[in-house]
Amino acid sequence: MKAPGALSLRAPFAFLGLFSAISIAACLGELFGVSVHKFVWDGARHVYTIGFLTLLIVGMSLRVVPAFTGRALVRLREARLALAFVGAAAVVRALQIPVALGWGGLPLYRLVGTTGIFATAGLLLWAHVLVATLRPKAKATGSVALPAHAHAA
């Protein structure tokens, strides 16, 4: 089995670029006397932590573990789903910035509040894939041959 595609390693850097752009825009706004709502900074922080750091950890581990252990990922489909959950959580969490600007209102704010569920589900699924991959293989179940000295008794 192959590791998840190159997108799993490009996505974190896209979120890093988004975080940088949001931070620079907010800093420039404050320099020119525009008050920046605390949700803008909170959204930027989550774009960085979930979108960059968490996706980078998940994406890299799904490539590094097989490389260093010599074992293929046991559940490749679940690994891709874990990446999708964490990525979706980062995208939706970035929507906190439009909420801070007054767009979307309460429905969008409530949607943003659900991202922790998706990020946690992705991380638990990621852990499940890694544990299944690193679990020692079970020995074949069959008749066990007794040593020669055991028959003498």
C-alpha atoms as a PDB file:
ATOM      1  CA  MET A   1       0.000   0.000   0.000  1.00  0.00           C
ATOM      2  CA  LYS A   2       1.125   3.511  -0.708  1.00  0.00           C
ATOM      3  CA  ALA A   3       1.118   6.347   1.785  1.00  0.00           C
ATOM      4  CA  PRO A   4      -1.470   9.109   1.401  1.00  0.00           C
ATOM      5  CA  GLY A   5      -0.686  11.398  -1.529  1.00  0.00           C
ATOM      6  CA  ALA A   6       1.378  14.529  -1.778  1.00  0.00           C
ATOM      7  CA  LEU A   7      -1.684  16.595  -0.890  1.00  0.00           C
ATOM      8  CA  SER A   8      -1.248  15.412   2.689  1.00  0.00           C
ATOM      9  CA  LEU A   9       2.059  17.272   2.774  1.00  0.00           C
ATOM     10  CA  ARG A  10       0.992  20.330   0.752  1.00  0.00           C
ATOM     11  CA  ALA A  11      -2.139  21.128   2.762  1.00  0.00           C
ATOM     12  CA  PRO A  12      -0.329  22.105   5.994  1.00  0.00           C
ATOM     13  CA  PHE A  13       1.784  24.636   4.133  1.00  0.00           C
ATOM     14  CA  ALA A  14      -1.319  26.107   2.501  1.00  0.00           C
ATOM     15  CA  PHE A  15      -2.708  26.681   5.994  1.00  0.00           C
ATOM     16  CA  LEU A  16       0.608  28.193   7.064  1.00  0.00           C
ATOM     17  CA  GLY A  17       0.294  30.663   4.180  1.00  0.00           C
ATOM     18  CA  LEU A  18      -3.288  31.449   5.203  1.00  0.00           C
ATOM     19  CA  PHE A  19      -2.217  31.999   8.805  1.00  0.00           C
ATOM     20  CA  SER A  20       0.559  34.324   7.674  1.00  0.00           C
ATOM     21  CA  ALA A  21      -1.791  36.319   5.454  1.00  0.00           C
ATOM     22  CA  ILE A  22      -4.389  36.681   8.219  1.00  0.00           C
ATOM     23  CA  SER A  23      -1.756  37.726  10.745  1.00  0.00           C
ATOM     24  CA  ILE A  24      -0.162  40.279   8.419  1.00  0.00           C
ATOM     25  CA  ALA A  25      -3.563  41.744   7.492  1.00  0.00           C
ATOM     26  CA  ALA A  26      -4.574  41.997  11.156  1.00  0.00           C
ATOM     27  CA  CYS A  27      -1.257  43.624  12.100  1.00  0.00           C
ATOM     28  CA  LEU A  28      -1.554  46.133   9.264  1.00  0.00           C
ATOM     29  CA  GLY A  29      -5.113  46.884  10.309  1.00  0.00           C
ATOM     30  CA  GLU A  30      -4.019  47.589  13.870  1.00  0.00           C
ATOM     31  CA  LEU A  31      -1.169  49.775  12.620  1.00  0.00           C
ATOM     32  CA  PHE A  32      -3.687  51.932  10.782  1.00  0.00           C
ATOM     33  CA  GLY A  33      -5.972  52.208  13.800  1.00  0.00           C
ATOM     34  CA  VAL A  34      -8.520  49.571  12.833  1.00  0.00           C
ATOM     35  CA  SER A  35      -9.632  47.543  15.830  1.00  0.00           C
ATOM     36  CA  VAL A  36      -9.244  43.824  15.191  1.00  0.00           C
ATOM     37  CA  HIS A  37     -11.764  41.565  16.937  1.00  0.00           C
ATOM     38  CA  LYS A  38     -10.284  38.882  19.190  1.00  0.00           C
ATOM     39  CA  PHE A  39     -11.946  36.171  17.062  1.00  0.00           C
ATOM     40  CA  VAL A  40      -9.680  37.123  14.154  1.00  0.00           C
ATOM     41  CA  TRP A  41      -6.635  36.260  16.252  1.00  0.00           C
ATOM     42  CA  ASP A  42      -8.365  33.171  17.642  1.00  0.00           C
ATOM     43  CA  GLY A  43      -9.242  32.011  14.138  1.00  0.00           C
ATOM     44  CA  ALA A  44      -5.687  32.627  12.957  1.00  0.00           C
ATOM     45  CA  ARG A  45      -4.313  30.681  15.905  1.00  0.00           C
ATOM     46  CA  HIS A  46      -6.547  27.712  15.098  1.00  0.00           C
ATOM     47  CA  VAL A  47      -5.643  27.870  11.413  1.00  0.00           C
ATOM     48  CA  TYR A  48      -2.016  27.552  12.537  1.00  0.00           C
ATOM     49  CA  THR A  49      -2.449  24.882  15.221  1.00  0.00           C
ATOM     50  CA  ILE A  50      -5.011  22.653  13.499  1.00  0.00           C
ATOM     51  CA  GLY A  51      -4.298  23.517   9.885  1.00  0.00           C
ATOM     52  CA  PHE A  52      -0.532  23.560   9.971  1.00  0.00           C
ATOM     53  CA  LEU A  53       0.820  21.748  13.015  1.00  0.00           C
ATOM     54  CA  THR A  54      -1.768  18.987  13.380  1.00  0.00           C
ATOM     55  CA  LEU A  55      -2.025  18.273   9.647  1.00  0.00           C
ATOM     56  CA  LEU A  56       1.758  18.260   9.375  1.00  0.00           C
ATOM     57  CA  ILE A  57       2.076  15.798  12.250  1.00  0.00           C
ATOM     58  CA  VAL A  58      -0.613  13.497  10.852  1.00  0.00           C
ATOM     59  CA  GLY A  59       0.580  13.740   7.247  1.00  0.00           C
ATOM     60  CA  MET A  60       4.235  13.187   8.091  1.00  0.00           C
ATOM     61  CA  SER A  61       3.603  10.332  10.513  1.00  0.00           C
ATOM     62  CA  LEU A  62       1.605   8.457   7.890  1.00  0.00           C
ATOM     63  CA  ARG A  63       4.706   8.594   5.686  1.00  0.00           C
ATOM     64  CA  VAL A  64       7.439   8.295   8.306  1.00  0.00           C
ATOM     65  CA  VAL A  65       6.031   5.322  10.244  1.00  0.00           C
ATOM     66  CA  PRO A  66       6.024   2.999   7.208  1.00  0.00           C
ATOM     67  CA  ALA A  67       9.479   4.245   6.171  1.00  0.00           C
ATOM     68  CA  PHE A  68      11.077   3.571   9.555  1.00  0.00           C
ATOM     69  CA  THR A  69       9.181   0.431  10.534  1.00  0.00           C
ATOM     70  CA  GLY A  70       9.118  -1.246   7.135  1.00  0.00           C
ATOM     71  CA  ARG A  71       5.402  -1.915   7.536  1.00  0.00           C
ATOM     72  CA  ALA A  72       2.750  -0.620   5.164  1.00  0.00           C
ATOM     73  CA  LEU A  73      -0.166   1.282   6.647  1.00  0.00           C
ATOM     74  CA  VAL A  74      -2.781  -1.273   7.602  1.00  0.00           C
ATOM     75  CA  ARG A  75      -5.820   0.926   7.018  1.00  0.00           C
ATOM     76  CA  LEU A  76      -5.034   3.348   4.217  1.00  0.00           C
ATOM     77  CA  ARG A  77      -8.654   4.392   3.678  1.00  0.00           C
ATOM     78  CA  GLU A  78      -9.014   5.278   7.353  1.00  0.00           C
ATOM     79  CA  ALA A  79      -5.729   7.213   7.213  1.00  0.00           C
ATOM     80  CA  ARG A  80      -7.094   9.335   4.370  1.00  0.00           C
ATOM     81  CA  LEU A  81     -10.329   9.853   6.297  1.00  0.00           C
ATOM     82  CA  ALA A  82      -8.343  11.008   9.343  1.00  0.00           C
ATOM     83  CA  LEU A  83      -6.539  13.564   7.183  1.00  0.00           C
ATOM     84  CA  ALA A  84      -9.879  14.693   5.743  1.00  0.00           C
ATOM     85  CA  PHE A  85     -11.407  15.158   9.211  1.00  0.00           C
ATOM     86  CA  VAL A  86      -8.494  17.232  10.479  1.00  0.00           C
ATOM     87  CA  GLY A  87      -8.373  19.259   7.254  1.00  0.00           C
ATOM     88  CA  ALA A  88     -12.116  19.914   7.341  1.00  0.00           C
ATOM     89  CA  ALA A  89     -11.841  21.020  10.965  1.00  0.00           C
ATOM     90  CA  ALA A  90      -9.131  23.504  10.005  1.00  0.00           C
ATOM     91  CA  VAL A  91     -11.132  24.884   7.077  1.00  0.00           C
ATOM     92  CA  VAL A  92     -14.276  25.341   9.142  1.00  0.00           C
ATOM     93  CA  ARG A  93     -12.302  26.829  12.030  1.00  0.00           C
ATOM     94  CA  ALA A  94     -10.909  29.428   9.621  1.00  0.00           C
ATOM     95  CA  LEU A  95     -14.521  30.536   9.118  1.00  0.00           C
ATOM     96  CA  GLN A  96     -14.311  32.069  12.578  1.00  0.00           C
ATOM     97  CA  ILE A  97     -12.650  35.048  10.923  1.00  0.00           C
ATOM     98  CA  PRO A  98     -15.728  35.976   8.844  1.00  0.00           C
ATOM     99  CA  VAL A  99     -17.788  35.532  12.027  1.00  0.00           C
ATOM    100  CA  ALA A 100     -15.493  38.075  13.695  1.00  0.00           C
ATOM    101  CA  LEU A 101     -16.163  40.461  10.825  1.00  0.00           C
ATOM    102  CA  GLY A 102     -19.914  40.095  11.342  1.00  0.00           C
ATOM    103  CA  TRP A 103     -20.671  37.752   8.456  1.00  0.00           C
ATOM    104  CA  GLY A 104     -22.720  34.598   8.814  1.00  0.00           C
ATOM    105  CA  GLY A 105     -24.159  35.377  12.223  1.00  0.00           C
ATOM    106  CA  LEU A 106     -25.117  32.770  14.765  1.00  0.00           C
ATOM    107  CA  PRO A 107     -25.501  29.799  12.349  1.00  0.00           C
ATOM    108  CA  LEU A 108     -21.907  30.159  11.131  1.00  0.00           C
ATOM    109  CA  TYR A 109     -20.703  30.691  14.701  1.00  0.00           C
ATOM    110  CA  ARG A 110     -22.387  27.424  15.748  1.00  0.00           C
ATOM    111  CA  LEU A 111     -20.852  25.600  12.790  1.00  0.00           C
ATOM    112  CA  VAL A 112     -17.406  26.846  13.782  1.00  0.00           C
ATOM    113  CA  GLY A 113     -18.068  25.527  17.289  1.00  0.00           C
ATOM    114  CA  THR A 114     -18.307  21.941  15.975  1.00  0.00           C
ATOM    115  CA  THR A 115     -14.753  21.793  14.659  1.00  0.00           C
ATOM    116  CA  GLY A 116     -13.361  20.263  17.826  1.00  0.00           C
ATOM    117  CA  ILE A 117     -15.518  17.184  17.221  1.00  0.00           C
ATOM    118  CA  PHE A 118     -14.101  16.676  13.726  1.00  0.00           C
ATOM    119  CA  ALA A 119     -10.503  17.350  14.778  1.00  0.00           C
ATOM    120  CA  THR A 120     -10.817  14.904  17.676  1.00  0.00           C
ATOM    121  CA  ALA A 121     -12.430  12.255  15.450  1.00  0.00           C
ATOM    122  CA  GLY A 122      -9.586  12.669  12.961  1.00  0.00           C
ATOM    123  CA  LEU A 123      -6.919  12.367  15.637  1.00  0.00           C
ATOM    124  CA  LEU A 124      -8.547   9.292  17.176  1.00  0.00           C
ATOM    125  CA  LEU A 125      -8.829   7.681  13.750  1.00  0.00           C
ATOM    126  CA  TRP A 126      -5.176   8.578  13.065  1.00  0.00           C
ATOM    127  CA  ALA A 127      -4.149   6.954  16.354  1.00  0.00           C
ATOM    128  CA  HIS A 128      -6.197   3.870  15.456  1.00  0.00           C
ATOM    129  CA  VAL A 129      -4.385   3.553  12.116  1.00  0.00           C
ATOM    130  CA  LEU A 130      -0.969   3.926  13.747  1.00  0.00           C
ATOM    131  CA  VAL A 131      -1.736   1.399  16.483  1.00  0.00           C
ATOM    132  CA  ALA A 132      -3.062  -1.078  13.919  1.00  0.00           C
ATOM    133  CA  THR A 133       0.053  -0.577  11.802  1.00  0.00           C
ATOM    134  CA  LEU A 134       2.489  -0.951  14.698  1.00  0.00           C
ATOM    135  CA  ARG A 135       0.686  -3.839  16.424  1.00  0.00           C
ATOM    136  CA  PRO A 136       2.801  -7.009  16.373  1.00  0.00           C
ATOM    137  CA  LYS A 137       1.472  -9.585  13.967  1.00  0.00           C
ATOM    138  CA  ALA A 138      -0.368 -12.472  15.636  1.00  0.00           C
ATOM    139  CA  LYS A 139       1.302 -15.838  15.420  1.00  0.00           C
ATOM    140  CA  ALA A 140      -0.401 -18.509  13.356  1.00  0.00           C
ATOM    141  CA  THR A 141      -2.926 -20.489  15.344  1.00  0.00           C
ATOM    142  CA  GLY A 142      -2.505 -24.172  14.769  1.00  0.00           C
ATOM    143  CA  SER A 143      -1.348 -27.217  16.625  1.00  0.00           C
ATOM    144  CA  VAL A 144       1.655 -26.493  18.729  1.00  0.00           C
ATOM    145  CA  ALA A 145       4.421 -29.058  18.511  1.00  0.00           C
ATOM    146  CA  LEU A 146       5.651 -30.147  21.896  1.00  0.00           C
ATOM    147  CA  PRO A 147       9.380 -30.475  22.510  1.00  0.00           C
ATOM    148  CA  ALA A 148      10.794 -34.006  22.367  1.00  0.00           C
ATOM    149  CA  HIS A 149      11.423 -34.165  26.135  1.00  0.00           C
ATOM    150  CA  ALA A 150       7.724 -33.462  26.848  1.00  0.00           C
ATOM    151  CA  HIS A 151       6.671 -36.782  25.236  1.00  0.00           C
ATOM    152  CA  ALA A 152       8.837 -38.833  27.626  1.00  0.00           C
ATOM    153  CA  ALA A 153       6.690 -37.979  30.643  1.00  0.00           C
END
